[in-house]
C-alpha cells in the first residue's frame, strides 16, 4: 500500500483501485476492501497522512509521511526468499479429475490472450517505463509464455502429459 501511494504521490482509495487494476493487480491479488481499510490503518500508525476533500463527496486522500517513506525503503531494500503462492483454479480442477484436454483448450486461449495483453502494454510503454514495472512486466510475459507452452503441450497430447515434459 505504501508503494502504491508513493508512486501516485497521493491517492484516494478509488484511485488506488484503478492503479492496482492497471499494474500490480496482474501479479498481486488484493481484496478491494483492503484499498479502503489499509490506508486508514496506515494513517493511524503514522505512515500516511490523511486529508479530506472540503466539498463534494469528501473523499479521503492519502499521502506518504516521512515515516511511511522510511518504512517503504526499509521493506524494499530487504531481499526475500519467499516463493510465490500458486492458487490456480484450473490446476486444482485438473488435480481433482477435470477433463485435462478440455481444460487445456480453454486455458491455452486465456493465457494467449493475457500474453497478448502484456505484449501490448510492453509495446506501448517503450523504453520510458521505470525499471521496476518494466522488469515485472517482463516476468509476466515470460510467465504467460510458460503457461502457453504447458497448456499447449497438454492440448496437443489430448490431456496426457506423459510425453509433454521438457
Protein backbone atom coordinates (compact mmCIF):
# COMPACT_ATOMS: atom_id res chain seq x y z
CA UNK A 1 0.00 0.00 0.00
CA UNK A 2 2.84 2.37 0.85
CA UNK A 3 4.43 1.66 -2.54
CA UNK A 4 1.21 2.39 -4.41
CA UNK A 5 0.75 5.70 -2.65
CA UNK A 6 4.42 6.55 -3.08
CA UNK A 7 4.17 6.02 -6.85
CA UNK A 8 0.98 8.06 -7.17
CA UNK A 9 2.09 10.93 -4.92
CA UNK A 10 -1.28 10.92 -3.24
CA UNK A 11 -4.42 8.92 -3.87
CA UNK A 12 -7.93 8.15 -2.79
CA UNK A 13 -8.90 4.52 -2.23
CA UNK A 14 -10.83 4.62 -5.52
CA UNK A 15 -7.72 5.84 -7.36
CA UNK A 16 -5.73 3.04 -5.72
CA UNK A 17 -8.25 0.58 -7.17
CA UNK A 18 -7.57 1.93 -10.69
CA UNK A 19 -3.79 1.84 -10.13
CA UNK A 20 -3.93 -1.78 -8.95
CA UNK A 21 -6.08 -2.82 -11.93
CA UNK A 22 -3.62 -1.23 -14.37
CA UNK A 23 -0.46 -2.68 -12.85
CA UNK A 24 0.27 -4.81 -9.84
CA UNK A 25 -3.15 -6.43 -9.94
CA UNK A 26 -1.69 -8.59 -12.72
CA UNK A 27 0.65 -10.32 -10.26
CA UNK A 28 -0.50 -9.44 -6.74
CA UNK A 29 -4.07 -10.10 -5.62
CA UNK A 30 -5.67 -7.53 -3.38
CA UNK A 31 -9.17 -7.55 -1.94
CA UNK A 32 -10.83 -4.27 -2.89
CA UNK A 33 -11.82 -3.76 0.75
CA UNK A 34 -8.10 -3.58 1.62
CA UNK A 35 -7.78 -0.48 -0.56
CA UNK A 36 -10.15 1.27 1.82
CA UNK A 37 -9.22 -0.20 5.21
CA UNK A 38 -5.43 -0.47 4.91
CA UNK A 39 -4.74 3.22 4.12
CA UNK A 40 -6.83 4.20 7.14
CA UNK A 41 -4.88 1.78 9.35
CA UNK A 42 -1.55 3.04 7.99
CA UNK A 43 -2.63 6.64 8.59
CA UNK A 44 -3.44 5.74 12.20
CA UNK A 45 0.06 4.25 12.53
CA UNK A 46 1.67 7.45 11.19
CA UNK A 47 2.81 6.08 7.81
CA UNK A 48 0.25 8.03 5.78
CA UNK A 49 -1.22 11.49 6.08
CA UNK A 50 -4.98 11.62 5.51
CA UNK A 51 -6.83 14.69 4.26
CA UNK A 52 -10.46 15.08 3.22
CA UNK A 53 -11.87 16.98 0.32
CA UNK A 54 -13.71 20.05 1.57
CA UNK A 55 -16.68 19.69 -0.75
CA UNK A 56 -18.40 17.09 -2.87
CA UNK A 57 -18.11 13.52 -1.67
CA UNK A 58 -15.43 14.48 0.91
CA UNK A 59 -13.20 11.65 -0.26
CA UNK A 60 -10.14 10.72 1.78
CA UNK A 61 -6.81 11.47 0.15
CA UNK A 62 -3.66 9.72 1.39
CA UNK A 63 -0.03 10.77 1.10
CA UNK A 64 3.15 9.14 2.44
CA UNK A 65 4.68 10.64 5.59
CA UNK A 66 8.42 10.62 6.27
CA UNK A 67 7.88 7.55 8.49
CA UNK A 68 5.96 5.85 5.69
CA UNK A 69 8.70 6.59 3.17
CA UNK A 70 11.33 5.25 5.59
CA UNK A 71 9.31 2.05 6.22
CA UNK A 72 8.79 1.53 2.48
CA UNK A 73 12.51 1.95 1.71
CA UNK A 74 13.43 -0.47 4.51
CA UNK A 75 10.96 -3.08 3.22
CA UNK A 76 12.04 -2.70 -0.43
CA UNK A 77 15.73 -2.95 0.48
CA UNK A 78 15.35 -6.38 2.11
CA UNK A 79 15.66 -9.28 -0.38
CA UNK A 80 13.17 -12.10 0.09
CA UNK A 81 13.42 -15.83 -0.40
CA UNK A 82 9.65 -16.27 -0.28
CA UNK A 83 8.30 -18.14 -3.27
CA UNK A 84 5.08 -17.04 -4.97
CA UNK A 85 1.81 -18.56 -3.86
CA UNK A 86 0.13 -20.54 -6.60
CA UNK A 87 -3.67 -20.58 -6.45
CA UNK A 88 -4.71 -21.82 -9.87
CA UNK A 89 -8.32 -22.97 -10.22
CA UNK A 90 -7.58 -24.83 -13.48
CA UNK A 91 -4.78 -26.86 -11.87
CA UNK A 92 -6.99 -27.54 -8.86
CA UNK A 93 -9.78 -28.82 -11.11
CA UNK A 94 -7.33 -30.96 -13.07
CA UNK A 95 -5.94 -32.39 -9.84
CA UNK A 96 -9.43 -33.48 -8.87
CA UNK A 97 -10.18 -35.09 -12.21
CA UNK A 98 -11.36 -32.47 -14.70
CA UNK A 99 -11.02 -33.36 -18.36
CA UNK A 100 -7.45 -32.14 -18.98
CA UNK A 101 -7.89 -31.81 -22.73
CA UNK A 102 -10.96 -29.59 -22.45
CA UNK A 103 -9.36 -27.59 -19.66
CA UNK A 104 -6.16 -27.18 -21.69
CA UNK A 105 -8.02 -25.68 -24.67
CA UNK A 106 -9.76 -23.08 -22.52
CA UNK A 107 -6.63 -22.26 -20.50
CA UNK A 108 -4.49 -22.05 -23.62
CA UNK A 109 -6.84 -19.43 -25.10
CA UNK A 110 -6.93 -17.46 -21.83
CA UNK A 111 -3.15 -17.44 -21.42
CA UNK A 112 -2.59 -16.49 -25.06
CA UNK A 113 -4.90 -13.52 -24.57
CA UNK A 114 -3.13 -12.47 -21.37
CA UNK A 115 0.22 -12.76 -23.17
CA UNK A 116 -1.07 -10.52 -25.98
CA UNK A 117 -2.28 -8.01 -23.39
CA UNK A 118 1.14 -7.90 -21.69
CA UNK A 119 2.91 -7.56 -25.04
CA UNK A 120 0.61 -4.64 -25.97
CA UNK A 121 1.45 -2.96 -22.65
CA UNK A 122 5.17 -3.53 -23.24
CA UNK A 123 4.99 -2.08 -26.76
CA UNK A 124 3.01 0.97 -25.61
CA UNK A 125 5.38 1.65 -22.69
CA UNK A 126 8.55 1.57 -24.77
CA UNK A 127 11.85 2.30 -23.05
CA UNK A 128 10.44 5.12 -20.89
CA UNK A 129 8.91 2.77 -18.30
CA UNK A 130 10.74 2.74 -14.91
CA UNK A 131 12.89 -0.34 -14.31
CA UNK A 132 10.67 -1.93 -11.64
CA UNK A 133 7.45 -2.02 -13.68
CA UNK A 134 9.40 -2.93 -16.86
CA UNK A 135 11.10 -5.92 -15.21
CA UNK A 136 7.89 -7.17 -13.58
CA UNK A 137 6.11 -6.89 -16.93
CA UNK A 138 8.91 -8.94 -18.47
CA UNK A 139 8.38 -11.57 -15.76
CA UNK A 140 4.66 -11.59 -16.57
CA UNK A 141 5.39 -12.11 -20.27
CA UNK A 142 7.78 -14.96 -19.54
CA UNK A 143 5.29 -16.45 -17.08
CA UNK A 144 2.49 -16.39 -19.68
CA UNK A 145 4.76 -17.89 -22.32
CA UNK A 146 5.43 -20.80 -19.98
CA UNK A 147 1.70 -21.30 -19.34
CA UNK A 148 1.08 -21.22 -23.11
CA UNK A 149 3.78 -23.87 -23.53
CA UNK A 150 2.37 -26.01 -20.70
CA UNK A 151 -1.30 -25.84 -21.71
CA UNK A 152 -0.36 -26.11 -25.39
CA UNK A 153 1.50 -29.38 -24.77
CA UNK A 154 -1.49 -30.76 -22.83
CA UNK A 155 -3.89 -29.70 -25.61
CA UNK A 156 -1.64 -31.27 -28.25
CA UNK A 157 -1.31 -34.51 -26.30
CA UNK A 158 -5.06 -34.72 -25.67
CA UNK A 159 -4.56 -34.10 -21.97
CA UNK A 160 -1.97 -36.84 -21.50
CA UNK A 161 1.20 -35.16 -20.23
CA UNK A 162 3.36 -38.29 -20.40
CA UNK A 163 5.32 -37.06 -23.40
CA UNK A 164 4.89 -33.32 -22.85
CA UNK A 165 7.57 -32.69 -20.20
CA UNK A 166 10.71 -30.92 -21.18
